[in-house]
């Protein structure tokens, strides 16, 4: 086993632990938990047996399987970053609305005095 494969497996096991920890803290719903654990198990499988996607890499004219993994990783990171940005914007708007409502209530409360 190559060093990169070993590091990938250790990283995936750590991520499974991390996902489980956050699931127990109720930061994830059950379906999200299953999705993430499945993803990391698939990651371990692909780290152990990269030849399983060699056909896909050849079809896309990618010389090494590792290059395919890097391309897929960039796609996934881009998608997650985009989703994170959307979530942050939604949260920002909700917070802005709460602060605005609280300020209006305080002003009307002071005006009545």
Protein backbone atom coordinates (compact mmCIF):
# COMPACT_ATOMS: atom_id res chain seq x y z
CA UNK A 1 0.00 0.00 0.00
CA UNK A 2 1.34 3.37 -0.96
CA UNK A 3 1.74 6.19 1.51
CA UNK A 4 -0.92 8.26 -0.27
CA UNK A 5 -3.43 5.41 0.01
CA UNK A 6 -2.68 4.98 3.71
CA UNK A 7 -3.07 8.70 4.37
CA UNK A 8 -6.33 8.73 2.41
CA UNK A 9 -7.73 5.86 4.45
CA UNK A 10 -6.70 7.45 7.75
CA UNK A 11 -8.27 10.72 6.65
CA UNK A 12 -11.52 8.99 5.62
CA UNK A 13 -11.70 7.12 8.94
CA UNK A 14 -11.18 10.40 10.77
CA UNK A 15 -13.97 11.98 8.71
CA UNK A 16 -16.32 9.06 9.52
CA UNK A 17 -15.55 9.63 13.20
CA UNK A 18 -16.14 13.38 12.77
CA UNK A 19 -19.47 12.81 11.00
CA UNK A 20 -20.56 10.38 13.73
CA UNK A 21 -19.58 12.87 16.42
CA UNK A 22 -21.65 15.63 14.83
CA UNK A 23 -24.55 13.25 14.24
CA UNK A 24 -24.58 12.40 17.94
CA UNK A 25 -24.61 16.13 18.72
CA UNK A 26 -27.65 16.30 16.41
CA UNK A 27 -26.01 18.57 13.83
CA UNK A 28 -27.07 16.13 11.09
CA UNK A 29 -30.28 14.36 10.32
CA UNK A 30 -30.16 10.59 9.85
CA UNK A 31 -30.24 10.75 6.04
CA UNK A 32 -27.37 13.24 5.99
CA UNK A 33 -25.42 11.00 8.33
CA UNK A 34 -25.96 7.98 6.08
CA UNK A 35 -24.99 10.03 3.01
CA UNK A 36 -21.72 11.23 4.54
CA UNK A 37 -20.73 7.84 5.93
CA UNK A 38 -21.47 6.23 2.57
CA UNK A 39 -19.39 8.87 0.82
CA UNK A 40 -16.39 8.26 3.09
CA UNK A 41 -16.71 4.48 2.78
CA UNK A 42 -16.74 4.91 -1.00
CA UNK A 43 -13.66 7.11 -0.64
CA UNK A 44 -11.89 4.32 1.30
CA UNK A 45 -12.90 1.78 -1.34
CA UNK A 46 -11.57 3.97 -4.16
CA UNK A 47 -8.35 4.60 -2.23
CA UNK A 48 -7.83 0.85 -1.85
CA UNK A 49 -8.93 -0.11 -5.38
CA UNK A 50 -8.29 2.82 -7.74
CA UNK A 51 -8.29 0.45 -10.73
CA UNK A 52 -12.10 0.23 -10.45
CA UNK A 53 -12.41 3.66 -12.08
CA UNK A 54 -9.62 3.19 -14.59
CA UNK A 55 -12.17 2.69 -17.38
CA UNK A 56 -13.81 6.04 -16.63
CA UNK A 57 -10.42 7.74 -16.56
CA UNK A 58 -9.50 6.25 -19.93
CA UNK A 59 -12.85 7.27 -21.42
CA UNK A 60 -12.23 10.88 -20.34
CA UNK A 61 -8.63 10.73 -21.66
CA UNK A 62 -7.17 11.20 -18.18
CA UNK A 63 -3.80 9.49 -17.90
CA UNK A 64 -3.75 8.71 -14.20
CA UNK A 65 -6.59 7.71 -11.91
CA UNK A 66 -5.22 10.12 -9.32
CA UNK A 67 -5.83 13.00 -11.73
CA UNK A 68 -9.46 11.91 -12.01
CA UNK A 69 -9.76 11.95 -8.21
CA UNK A 70 -8.27 15.44 -8.05
CA UNK A 71 -10.72 16.70 -10.68
CA UNK A 72 -13.66 15.15 -8.82
CA UNK A 73 -12.41 16.62 -5.55
CA UNK A 74 -12.32 20.11 -7.06
CA UNK A 75 -15.85 19.67 -8.36
CA UNK A 76 -17.09 18.54 -4.94
CA UNK A 77 -15.27 21.32 -3.09
CA UNK A 78 -16.69 23.90 -5.49
CA UNK A 79 -20.22 22.59 -4.98
CA UNK A 80 -19.88 22.51 -1.18
CA UNK A 81 -18.42 26.03 -1.16
CA UNK A 82 -21.35 27.25 -3.24
CA UNK A 83 -23.86 25.55 -0.91
CA UNK A 84 -22.07 27.02 2.11
CA UNK A 85 -22.28 30.51 0.59
CA UNK A 86 -26.02 30.11 -0.01
CA UNK A 87 -26.52 28.91 3.56
CA UNK A 88 -24.51 31.83 4.95
CA UNK A 89 -26.54 34.35 2.92
CA UNK A 90 -29.84 32.83 4.13
CA UNK A 91 -28.63 32.94 7.71
CA UNK A 92 -27.48 36.53 7.27
CA UNK A 93 -30.94 37.56 6.01
CA UNK A 94 -32.68 35.77 8.89
CA UNK A 95 -30.40 37.47 11.40
CA UNK A 96 -30.98 40.84 9.75
CA UNK A 97 -34.76 40.35 9.98
CA UNK A 98 -34.57 39.37 13.65
CA UNK A 99 -32.44 42.40 14.51
CA UNK A 100 -34.73 44.69 12.50
CA UNK A 101 -37.86 43.35 14.25
CA UNK A 102 -36.24 43.70 17.66
CA UNK A 103 -35.17 47.29 16.90
CA UNK A 104 -38.69 48.20 15.72
CA UNK A 105 -40.20 46.71 18.87
CA UNK A 106 -37.79 48.68 21.08
CA UNK A 107 -38.51 51.93 19.24
CA UNK A 108 -42.27 51.47 19.49
CA UNK A 109 -41.90 50.52 23.13
CA UNK A 110 -39.90 53.71 23.85
CA UNK A 111 -42.37 55.84 21.86
CA UNK A 112 -45.25 54.64 24.05
CA UNK A 113 -43.48 55.79 27.22
